[in-house]
């Protein structure tokens, strides 16, 4: 049985920034960056990866790519809602 496994490591960390590198079933980086602006804070997320196994890559593109994209968009929307609620509770902007 194939067990998808990833090993994640913090590759970069600074105030407002964290970058995870991962390797295993697929390899890549997940970058989260907070950028203050006049309206509050802009959260940027960049998720880049490759799938070295051609069969797994085909399966991902065929069955999971669109689901993964929608799931990541929903995750960012939930995070935005949490941040906006916290800001409202503190009387500040999001």
PDB file of N, CA and C in Angstrom:
ATOM      1  N   UNK A   1       0.840  -1.180   0.000  1.00  0.00           N
ATOM      2  CA  UNK A   1       0.000   0.000   0.000  1.00  0.00           C
ATOM      3  C   UNK A   1       0.885   1.244   0.000  1.00  0.00           C
ATOM      4  N   UNK A   2       0.524   2.231  -0.801  1.00  0.00           N
ATOM      5  CA  UNK A   2       1.246   3.492  -0.864  1.00  0.00           C
ATOM      6  C   UNK A   2       0.669   4.425   0.189  1.00  0.00           C
ATOM      7  N   UNK A   3       1.540   4.978   1.007  1.00  0.00           N
ATOM      8  CA  UNK A   3       1.111   5.924   2.039  1.00  0.00           C
ATOM      9  C   UNK A   3       1.728   7.288   1.733  1.00  0.00           C
ATOM     10  N   UNK A   4       0.896   8.232   1.300  1.00  0.00           N
ATOM     11  CA  UNK A   4       1.423   9.571   1.023  1.00  0.00           C
ATOM     12  C   UNK A   4       2.011  10.181   2.301  1.00  0.00           C
ATOM     13  N   UNK A   5       3.255  10.565   2.225  1.00  0.00           N
ATOM     14  CA  UNK A   5       3.942  11.131   3.373  1.00  0.00           C
ATOM     15  C   UNK A   5       4.668  12.396   2.949  1.00  0.00           C
ATOM     16  N   UNK A   6       4.637  13.397   3.813  1.00  0.00           N
ATOM     17  CA  UNK A   6       5.397  14.624   3.599  1.00  0.00           C
ATOM     18  C   UNK A   6       6.205  14.922   4.854  1.00  0.00           C
ATOM     19  N   UNK A   7       7.418  15.359   4.660  1.00  0.00           N
ATOM     20  CA  UNK A   7       8.231  15.874   5.746  1.00  0.00           C
ATOM     21  C   UNK A   7       8.297  17.377   5.558  1.00  0.00           C
ATOM     22  N   UNK A   8       7.804  18.120   6.544  1.00  0.00           N
ATOM     23  CA  UNK A   8       7.754  19.585   6.458  1.00  0.00           C
ATOM     24  C   UNK A   8       8.816  20.197   7.365  1.00  0.00           C
ATOM     25  N   UNK A   9       9.439  21.252   6.868  1.00  0.00           N
ATOM     26  CA  UNK A   9      10.474  21.963   7.600  1.00  0.00           C
ATOM     27  C   UNK A   9      10.265  23.456   7.413  1.00  0.00           C
ATOM     28  N   UNK A  10      10.438  24.225   8.477  1.00  0.00           N
ATOM     29  CA  UNK A  10      10.405  25.676   8.343  1.00  0.00           C
ATOM     30  C   UNK A  10      11.695  26.092   7.644  1.00  0.00           C
ATOM     31  N   UNK A  11      11.564  26.661   6.456  1.00  0.00           N
ATOM     32  CA  UNK A  11      12.720  27.044   5.653  1.00  0.00           C
ATOM     33  C   UNK A  11      13.117  28.498   5.879  1.00  0.00           C
ATOM     34  N   UNK A  12      12.137  29.315   6.239  1.00  0.00           N
ATOM     35  CA  UNK A  12      12.394  30.738   6.431  1.00  0.00           C
ATOM     36  C   UNK A  12      11.392  31.268   7.439  1.00  0.00           C
ATOM     37  N   UNK A  13      11.857  32.100   8.350  1.00  0.00           N
ATOM     38  CA  UNK A  13      10.963  32.670   9.360  1.00  0.00           C
ATOM     39  C   UNK A  13      11.446  34.063   9.681  1.00  0.00           C
ATOM     40  N   UNK A  14      10.541  35.023   9.621  1.00  0.00           N
ATOM     41  CA  UNK A  14      10.808  36.412   9.967  1.00  0.00           C
ATOM     42  C   UNK A  14       9.475  37.004  10.413  1.00  0.00           C
ATOM     43  N   UNK A  15       9.487  38.181  11.059  1.00  0.00           N
ATOM     44  CA  UNK A  15       8.201  38.795  11.430  1.00  0.00           C
ATOM     45  C   UNK A  15       7.297  38.932  10.202  1.00  0.00           C
ATOM     46  N   UNK A  16       6.106  38.358  10.289  1.00  0.00           N
ATOM     47  CA  UNK A  16       5.141  38.433   9.198  1.00  0.00           C
ATOM     48  C   UNK A  16       5.381  37.441   8.077  1.00  0.00           C
ATOM     49  N   UNK A  17       6.311  36.519   8.250  1.00  0.00           N
ATOM     50  CA  UNK A  17       6.642  35.586   7.172  1.00  0.00           C
ATOM     51  C   UNK A  17       6.969  34.211   7.735  1.00  0.00           C
ATOM     52  N   UNK A  18       6.422  33.206   7.088  1.00  0.00           N
ATOM     53  CA  UNK A  18       6.853  31.831   7.346  1.00  0.00           C
ATOM     54  C   UNK A  18       6.803  31.070   6.023  1.00  0.00           C
ATOM     55  N   UNK A  19       7.844  30.309   5.773  1.00  0.00           N
ATOM     56  CA  UNK A  19       7.931  29.491   4.563  1.00  0.00           C
ATOM     57  C   UNK A  19       8.213  28.060   4.992  1.00  0.00           C
ATOM     58  N   UNK A  20       7.318  27.171   4.601  1.00  0.00           N
ATOM     59  CA  UNK A  20       7.483  25.742   4.854  1.00  0.00           C
ATOM     60  C   UNK A  20       7.998  25.091   3.591  1.00  0.00           C
ATOM     61  N   UNK A  21       8.979  24.199   3.728  1.00  0.00           N
ATOM     62  CA  UNK A  21       9.384  23.345   2.623  1.00  0.00           C
ATOM     63  C   UNK A  21       8.934  21.938   2.968  1.00  0.00           C
ATOM     64  N   UNK A  22       8.510  21.203   1.971  1.00  0.00           N
ATOM     65  CA  UNK A  22       8.068  19.836   2.210  1.00  0.00           C
ATOM     66  C   UNK A  22       8.599  18.935   1.116  1.00  0.00           C
ATOM     67  N   UNK A  23       8.792  17.688   1.503  1.00  0.00           N
ATOM     68  CA  UNK A  23       9.322  16.706   0.572  1.00  0.00           C
ATOM     69  C   UNK A  23       8.730  15.345   0.923  1.00  0.00           C
ATOM     70  N   UNK A  24       8.536  14.536  -0.069  1.00  0.00           N
ATOM     71  CA  UNK A  24       7.967  13.205   0.128  1.00  0.00           C
ATOM     72  C   UNK A  24       7.161  12.820  -1.094  1.00  0.00           C
ATOM     73  N   UNK A  25       5.868  12.614  -0.895  1.00  0.00           N
ATOM     74  CA  UNK A  25       4.972  12.238  -1.983  1.00  0.00           C
ATOM     75  C   UNK A  25       4.982  13.293  -3.074  1.00  0.00           C
ATOM     76  N   UNK A  26       5.140  14.550  -2.656  1.00  0.00           N
ATOM     77  CA  UNK A  26       5.412  15.644  -3.564  1.00  0.00           C
ATOM     78  C   UNK A  26       6.357  16.597  -2.854  1.00  0.00           C
ATOM     79  N   UNK A  27       6.906  17.566  -3.577  1.00  0.00           N
ATOM     80  CA  UNK A  27       7.915  18.463  -3.015  1.00  0.00           C
ATOM     81  C   UNK A  27       7.575  19.897  -3.364  1.00  0.00           C
ATOM     82  N   UNK A  28       7.836  20.813  -2.445  1.00  0.00           N
ATOM     83  CA  UNK A  28       7.565  22.208  -2.737  1.00  0.00           C
ATOM     84  C   UNK A  28       7.685  23.099  -1.532  1.00  0.00           C
ATOM     85  N   UNK A  29       7.028  24.261  -1.650  1.00  0.00           N
ATOM     86  CA  UNK A  29       7.064  25.287  -0.608  1.00  0.00           C
ATOM     87  C   UNK A  29       5.676  25.883  -0.421  1.00  0.00           C
ATOM     88  N   UNK A  30       5.403  26.281   0.819  1.00  0.00           N
ATOM     89  CA  UNK A  30       4.158  26.960   1.174  1.00  0.00           C
ATOM     90  C   UNK A  30       4.550  28.228   1.913  1.00  0.00           C
ATOM     91  N   UNK A  31       4.342  29.369   1.278  1.00  0.00           N
ATOM     92  CA  UNK A  31       4.796  30.663   1.817  1.00  0.00           C
ATOM     93  C   UNK A  31       3.590  31.471   2.293  1.00  0.00           C
ATOM     94  N   UNK A  32       3.663  31.943   3.534  1.00  0.00           N
ATOM     95  CA  UNK A  32       2.640  32.799   4.128  1.00  0.00           C
ATOM     96  C   UNK A  32       3.306  34.104   4.522  1.00  0.00           C
ATOM     97  N   UNK A  33       2.751  35.217   4.033  1.00  0.00           N
ATOM     98  CA  UNK A  33       3.345  36.516   4.312  1.00  0.00           C
ATOM     99  C   UNK A  33       2.255  37.531   4.640  1.00  0.00           C
ATOM    100  N   UNK A  34       2.437  38.251   5.747  1.00  0.00           N
ATOM    101  CA  UNK A  34       1.526  39.329   6.147  1.00  0.00           C
ATOM    102  C   UNK A  34       2.175  40.649   5.767  1.00  0.00           C
ATOM    103  N   UNK A  35       1.433  41.471   5.020  1.00  0.00           N
ATOM    104  CA  UNK A  35       1.937  42.772   4.591  1.00  0.00           C
ATOM    105  C   UNK A  35       1.003  43.863   5.104  1.00  0.00           C
ATOM    106  N   UNK A  36       1.455  44.650   6.075  1.00  0.00           N
ATOM    107  CA  UNK A  36       0.614  45.752   6.557  1.00  0.00           C
ATOM    108  C   UNK A  36       0.335  46.749   5.434  1.00  0.00           C
ATOM    109  N   UNK A  37      -0.889  47.289   5.428  1.00  0.00           N
ATOM    110  CA  UNK A  37      -1.232  48.340   4.468  1.00  0.00           C
ATOM    111  C   UNK A  37      -2.205  49.309   5.141  1.00  0.00           C
ATOM    112  N   UNK A  38      -2.685  50.316   4.411  1.00  0.00           N
ATOM    113  CA  UNK A  38      -3.555  51.336   4.991  1.00  0.00           C
ATOM    114  C   UNK A  38      -4.886  50.782   5.486  1.00  0.00           C
ATOM    115  N   UNK A  39      -5.320  49.663   4.952  1.00  0.00           N
ATOM    116  CA  UNK A  39      -6.612  49.084   5.325  1.00  0.00           C
ATOM    117  C   UNK A  39      -6.486  48.015   6.406  1.00  0.00           C
ATOM    118  N   UNK A  40      -5.281  47.634   6.769  1.00  0.00           N
ATOM    119  CA  UNK A  40      -5.078  46.581   7.759  1.00  0.00           C
ATOM    120  C   UNK A  40      -3.878  45.737   7.382  1.00  0.00           C
ATOM    121  N   UNK A  41      -4.120  44.501   7.015  1.00  0.00           N
ATOM    122  CA  UNK A  41      -3.046  43.579   6.652  1.00  0.00           C
ATOM    123  C   UNK A  41      -3.482  42.739   5.462  1.00  0.00           C
ATOM    124  N   UNK A  42      -2.590  42.600   4.529  1.00  0.00           N
ATOM    125  CA  UNK A  42      -2.831  41.721   3.383  1.00  0.00           C
ATOM    126  C   UNK A  42      -2.076  40.412   3.635  1.00  0.00           C
ATOM    127  N   UNK A  43      -2.777  39.309   3.529  1.00  0.00           N
ATOM    128  CA  UNK A  43      -2.170  37.994   3.705  1.00  0.00           C
ATOM    129  C   UNK A  43      -1.941  37.370   2.334  1.00  0.00           C
ATOM    130  N   UNK A  44      -0.700  37.035   2.060  1.00  0.00           N
ATOM    131  CA  UNK A  44      -0.361  36.386   0.797  1.00  0.00           C
ATOM    132  C   UNK A  44       0.031  34.948   1.084  1.00  0.00           C
ATOM    133  N   UNK A  45      -0.476  34.042   0.277  1.00  0.00           N
ATOM    134  CA  UNK A  45      -0.117  32.637   0.388  1.00  0.00           C
ATOM    135  C   UNK A  45       0.279  32.149  -0.988  1.00  0.00           C
ATOM    136  N   UNK A  46       1.431  31.543  -1.063  1.00  0.00           N
ATOM    137  CA  UNK A  46       1.902  30.976  -2.330  1.00  0.00           C
ATOM    138  C   UNK A  46       2.278  29.526  -2.064  1.00  0.00           C
ATOM    139  N   UNK A  47       1.640  28.622  -2.781  1.00  0.00           N
ATOM    140  CA  UNK A  47       1.824  27.192  -2.599  1.00  0.00           C
ATOM    141  C   UNK A  47       2.312  26.635  -3.921  1.00  0.00           C
ATOM    142  N   UNK A  48       3.566  26.188  -3.950  1.00  0.00           N
ATOM    143  CA  UNK A  48       4.160  25.657  -5.177  1.00  0.00           C
ATOM    144  C   UNK A  48       4.683  24.262  -4.899  1.00  0.00           C
ATOM    145  N   UNK A  49       4.418  23.344  -5.811  1.00  0.00           N
ATOM    146  CA  UNK A  49       4.900  21.987  -5.608  1.00  0.00           C
ATOM    147  C   UNK A  49       5.039  21.259  -6.930  1.00  0.00           C
ATOM    148  N   UNK A  50       5.811  20.186  -6.885  1.00  0.00           N
ATOM    149  CA  UNK A  50       5.941  19.273  -8.014  1.00  0.00           C
ATOM    150  C   UNK A  50       5.646  17.867  -7.503  1.00  0.00           C
ATOM    151  N   UNK A  51       5.184  17.041  -8.409  1.00  0.00           N
ATOM    152  CA  UNK A  51       4.919  15.638  -8.082  1.00  0.00           C
ATOM    153  C   UNK A  51       5.835  14.814  -8.974  1.00  0.00           C
ATOM    154  N   UNK A  52       6.906  14.250  -8.394  1.00  0.00           N
ATOM    155  CA  UNK A  52       7.900  13.565  -9.213  1.00  0.00           C
ATOM    156  C   UNK A  52       7.402  12.301  -9.899  1.00  0.00           C
ATOM    157  N   UNK A  53       6.472  11.592  -9.304  1.00  0.00           N
ATOM    158  CA  UNK A  53       5.970  10.345  -9.874  1.00  0.00           C
ATOM    159  C   UNK A  53       4.927  10.670 -10.941  1.00  0.00           C
ATOM    160  N   UNK A  54       5.157  10.319 -12.215  1.00  0.00           N
ATOM    161  CA  UNK A  54       4.223  10.673 -13.288  1.00  0.00           C
ATOM    162  C   UNK A  54       2.824  10.096 -13.090  1.00  0.00           C
ATOM    163  N   UNK A  55       2.722   8.916 -12.533  1.00  0.00           N
ATOM    164  CA  UNK A  55       1.412   8.311 -12.302  1.00  0.00           C
ATOM    165  C   UNK A  55       0.641   9.073 -11.230  1.00  0.00           C
ATOM    166  N   UNK A  56       1.328   9.434 -10.167  1.00  0.00           N
ATOM    167  CA  UNK A  56       0.698  10.223  -9.092  1.00  0.00           C
ATOM    168  C   UNK A  56       0.330  11.602  -9.627  1.00  0.00           C
ATOM    169  N   UNK A  57       1.207  12.191 -10.429  1.00  0.00           N
ATOM    170  CA  UNK A  57       0.920  13.508 -11.010  1.00  0.00           C
ATOM    171  C   UNK A  57      -0.330  13.459 -11.884  1.00  0.00           C
ATOM    172  N   UNK A  58      -0.444  12.422 -12.697  1.00  0.00           N
ATOM    173  CA  UNK A  58      -1.636  12.266 -13.533  1.00  0.00           C
ATOM    174  C   UNK A  58      -2.887  12.134 -12.666  1.00  0.00           C
ATOM    175  N   UNK A  59      -2.812  11.305 -11.636  1.00  0.00           N
ATOM    176  CA  UNK A  59      -3.956  11.131 -10.737  1.00  0.00           C
ATOM    177  C   UNK A  59      -4.346  12.421 -10.057  1.00  0.00           C
ATOM    178  N   UNK A  60      -3.348  13.195  -9.624  1.00  0.00           N
ATOM    179  CA  UNK A  60      -3.640  14.472  -8.972  1.00  0.00           C
ATOM    180  C   UNK A  60      -4.338  15.413  -9.953  1.00  0.00           C
ATOM    181  N   UNK A  61      -3.766  15.570 -11.142  1.00  0.00           N
ATOM    182  CA  UNK A  61      -4.364  16.480 -12.130  1.00  0.00           C
ATOM    183  C   UNK A  61      -5.772  16.048 -12.516  1.00  0.00           C
ATOM    184  N   UNK A  62      -5.982  14.768 -12.618  1.00  0.00           N
ATOM    185  CA  UNK A  62      -7.277  14.244 -13.048  1.00  0.00           C
ATOM    186  C   UNK A  62      -8.331  14.333 -11.953  1.00  0.00           C
ATOM    187  N   UNK A  63      -7.953  14.014 -10.727  1.00  0.00           N
ATOM    188  CA  UNK A  63      -8.962  13.852  -9.679  1.00  0.00           C
ATOM    189  C   UNK A  63      -8.918  14.892  -8.563  1.00  0.00           C
ATOM    190  N   UNK A  64      -7.767  15.502  -8.309  1.00  0.00           N
ATOM    191  CA  UNK A  64      -7.667  16.301  -7.088  1.00  0.00           C
ATOM    192  C   UNK A  64      -7.307  17.770  -7.285  1.00  0.00           C
ATOM    193  N   UNK A  65      -6.823  18.165  -8.435  1.00  0.00           N
ATOM    194  CA  UNK A  65      -6.324  19.534  -8.612  1.00  0.00           C
ATOM    195  C   UNK A  65      -7.406  20.582  -8.355  1.00  0.00           C
ATOM    196  N   UNK A  66      -8.561  20.439  -8.951  1.00  0.00           N
ATOM    197  CA  UNK A  66      -9.627  21.435  -8.763  1.00  0.00           C
ATOM    198  C   UNK A  66     -10.157  21.415  -7.335  1.00  0.00           C
ATOM    199  N   UNK A  67     -10.277  20.224  -6.753  1.00  0.00           N
ATOM    200  CA  UNK A  67     -10.725  20.137  -5.358  1.00  0.00           C
ATOM    201  C   UNK A  67      -9.720  20.830  -4.446  1.00  0.00           C
ATOM    202  N   UNK A  68      -8.428  20.611  -4.680  1.00  0.00           N
ATOM    203  CA  UNK A  68      -7.387  21.227  -3.863  1.00  0.00           C
ATOM    204  C   UNK A  68      -7.437  22.740  -3.984  1.00  0.00           C
ATOM    205  N   UNK A  69      -7.619  23.245  -5.195  1.00  0.00           N
ATOM    206  CA  UNK A  69      -7.707  24.699  -5.410  1.00  0.00           C
ATOM    207  C   UNK A  69      -8.893  25.281  -4.642  1.00  0.00           C
ATOM    208  N   UNK A  70     -10.040  24.655  -4.749  1.00  0.00           N
ATOM    209  CA  UNK A  70     -11.229  25.147  -4.030  1.00  0.00           C
ATOM    210  C   UNK A  70     -11.028  25.076  -2.522  1.00  0.00           C
ATOM    211  N   UNK A  71     -10.408  23.998  -2.051  1.00  0.00           N
ATOM    212  CA  UNK A  71     -10.169  23.840  -0.625  1.00  0.00           C
ATOM    213  C   UNK A  71      -9.223  24.929  -0.104  1.00  0.00           C
ATOM    214  N   UNK A  72      -8.176  25.245  -0.853  1.00  0.00           N
ATOM    215  CA  UNK A  72      -7.237  26.284  -0.429  1.00  0.00           C
ATOM    216  C   UNK A  72      -7.903  27.657  -0.433  1.00  0.00           C
ATOM    217  N   UNK A  73      -8.740  27.929  -1.422  1.00  0.00           N
ATOM    218  CA  UNK A  73      -9.472  29.201  -1.458  1.00  0.00           C
ATOM    219  C   UNK A  73     -10.419  29.312  -0.263  1.00  0.00           C
ATOM    220  N   UNK A  74     -11.098  28.219   0.074  1.00  0.00           N
ATOM    221  CA  UNK A  74     -11.998  28.211   1.227  1.00  0.00           C
ATOM    222  C   UNK A  74     -11.215  28.406   2.525  1.00  0.00           C
ATOM    223  N   UNK A  75     -10.042  27.796   2.616  1.00  0.00           N
ATOM    224  CA  UNK A  75      -9.200  27.951   3.802  1.00  0.00           C
ATOM    225  C   UNK A  75      -8.806  29.409   3.990  1.00  0.00           C
ATOM    226  N   UNK A  76      -8.407  30.073   2.915  1.00  0.00           N
ATOM    227  CA  UNK A  76      -8.042  31.487   3.002  1.00  0.00           C
ATOM    228  C   UNK A  76      -9.243  32.345   3.380  1.00  0.00           C
ATOM    229  N   UNK A  77     -10.415  32.019   2.861  1.00  0.00           N
ATOM    230  CA  UNK A  77     -11.622  32.777   3.196  1.00  0.00           C
ATOM    231  C   UNK A  77     -11.959  32.619   4.681  1.00  0.00           C
ATOM    232  N   UNK A  78     -11.840  31.396   5.210  1.00  0.00           N
ATOM    233  CA  UNK A  78     -12.093  31.174   6.645  1.00  0.00           C
ATOM    234  C   UNK A  78     -11.090  31.940   7.500  1.00  0.00           C
ATOM    235  N   UNK A  79      -9.837  31.933   7.095  1.00  0.00           N
ATOM    236  CA  UNK A  79      -8.811  32.669   7.832  1.00  0.00           C
ATOM    237  C   UNK A  79      -9.106  34.169   7.815  1.00  0.00           C
ATOM    238  N   UNK A  80      -9.557  34.678   6.691  1.00  0.00           N
ATOM    239  CA  UNK A  80      -9.929  36.095   6.580  1.00  0.00           C
ATOM    240  C   UNK A  80     -11.079  36.416   7.533  1.00  0.00           C
ATOM    241  N   UNK A  81     -12.072  35.553   7.590  1.00  0.00           N
ATOM    242  CA  UNK A  81     -13.208  35.776   8.481  1.00  0.00           C
ATOM    243  C   UNK A  81     -12.781  35.787   9.943  1.00  0.00           C
ATOM    244  N   UNK A  82     -11.900  34.868  10.323  1.00  0.00           N
ATOM    245  CA  UNK A  82     -11.399  34.836  11.702  1.00  0.00           C
ATOM    246  C   UNK A  82     -10.642  36.117  12.022  1.00  0.00           C
ATOM    247  N   UNK A  83      -9.778  36.548  11.124  1.00  0.00           N
ATOM    248  CA  UNK A  83      -9.002  37.773  11.351  1.00  0.00           C
ATOM    249  C   UNK A  83      -9.911  38.986  11.458  1.00  0.00           C
ATOM    250  N   UNK A  84     -10.940  39.062  10.604  1.00  0.00           N
ATOM    251  CA  UNK A  84     -11.857  40.196  10.656  1.00  0.00           C
ATOM    252  C   UNK A  84     -12.674  40.199  11.944  1.00  0.00           C
ATOM    253  N   UNK A  85     -13.084  39.015  12.411  1.00  0.00           N
ATOM    254  CA  UNK A  85     -13.812  38.944  13.686  1.00  0.00           C
ATOM    255  C   UNK A  85     -12.918  39.388  14.843  1.00  0.00           C
ATOM    256  N   UNK A  86     -11.675  38.946  14.842  1.00  0.00           N
ATOM    257  CA  UNK A  86     -10.748  39.342  15.899  1.00  0.00           C
ATOM    258  C   UNK A  86     -10.512  40.849  15.880  1.00  0.00           C
ATOM    259  N   UNK A  87     -10.362  41.400  14.696  1.00  0.00           N
ATOM    260  CA  UNK A  87     -10.148  42.843  14.572  1.00  0.00           C
ATOM    261  C   UNK A  87     -11.372  43.611  15.067  1.00  0.00           C
ATOM    262  N   UNK A  88     -12.562  43.127  14.741  1.00  0.00           N
ATOM    263  CA  UNK A  88     -13.790  43.797  15.191  1.00  0.00           C
ATOM    264  C   UNK A  88     -13.911  43.750  16.715  1.00  0.00           C
ATOM    265  N   UNK A  89     -13.516  42.630  17.309  1.00  0.00           N
ATOM    266  CA  UNK A  89     -13.566  42.504  18.763  1.00  0.00           C
ATOM    267  C   UNK A  89     -12.602  43.466  19.448  1.00  0.00           C
ATOM    268  N   UNK A  90     -11.491  43.738  18.788  1.00  0.00           N
ATOM    269  CA  UNK A  90     -10.486  44.641  19.342  1.00  0.00           C
ATOM    270  C   UNK A  90     -10.723  46.089  18.926  1.00  0.00           C
ATOM    271  N   UNK A  91     -11.717  46.301  18.036  1.00  0.00           N
ATOM    272  CA  UNK A  91     -12.042  47.649  17.594  1.00  0.00           C
ATOM    273  C   UNK A  91     -11.132  48.180  16.513  1.00  0.00           C
ATOM    274  N   UNK A  92     -10.406  47.294  15.827  1.00  0.00           N
ATOM    275  CA  UNK A  92      -9.501  47.725  14.768  1.00  0.00           C
ATOM    276  C   UNK A  92      -9.952  47.221  13.425  1.00  0.00           C
ATOM    277  N   UNK A  93      -9.180  47.515  12.392  1.00  0.00           N
ATOM    278  CA  UNK A  93      -9.477  47.037  11.040  1.00  0.00           C
ATOM    279  C   UNK A  93      -8.867  45.672  10.828  1.00  0.00           C
ATOM    280  N   UNK A  94      -9.311  45.010   9.749  1.00  0.00           N
ATOM    281  CA  UNK A  94      -8.785  43.660   9.436  1.00  0.00           C
ATOM    282  C   UNK A  94      -7.491  43.736   8.694  1.00  0.00           C
TER     283      UNK A  94
END
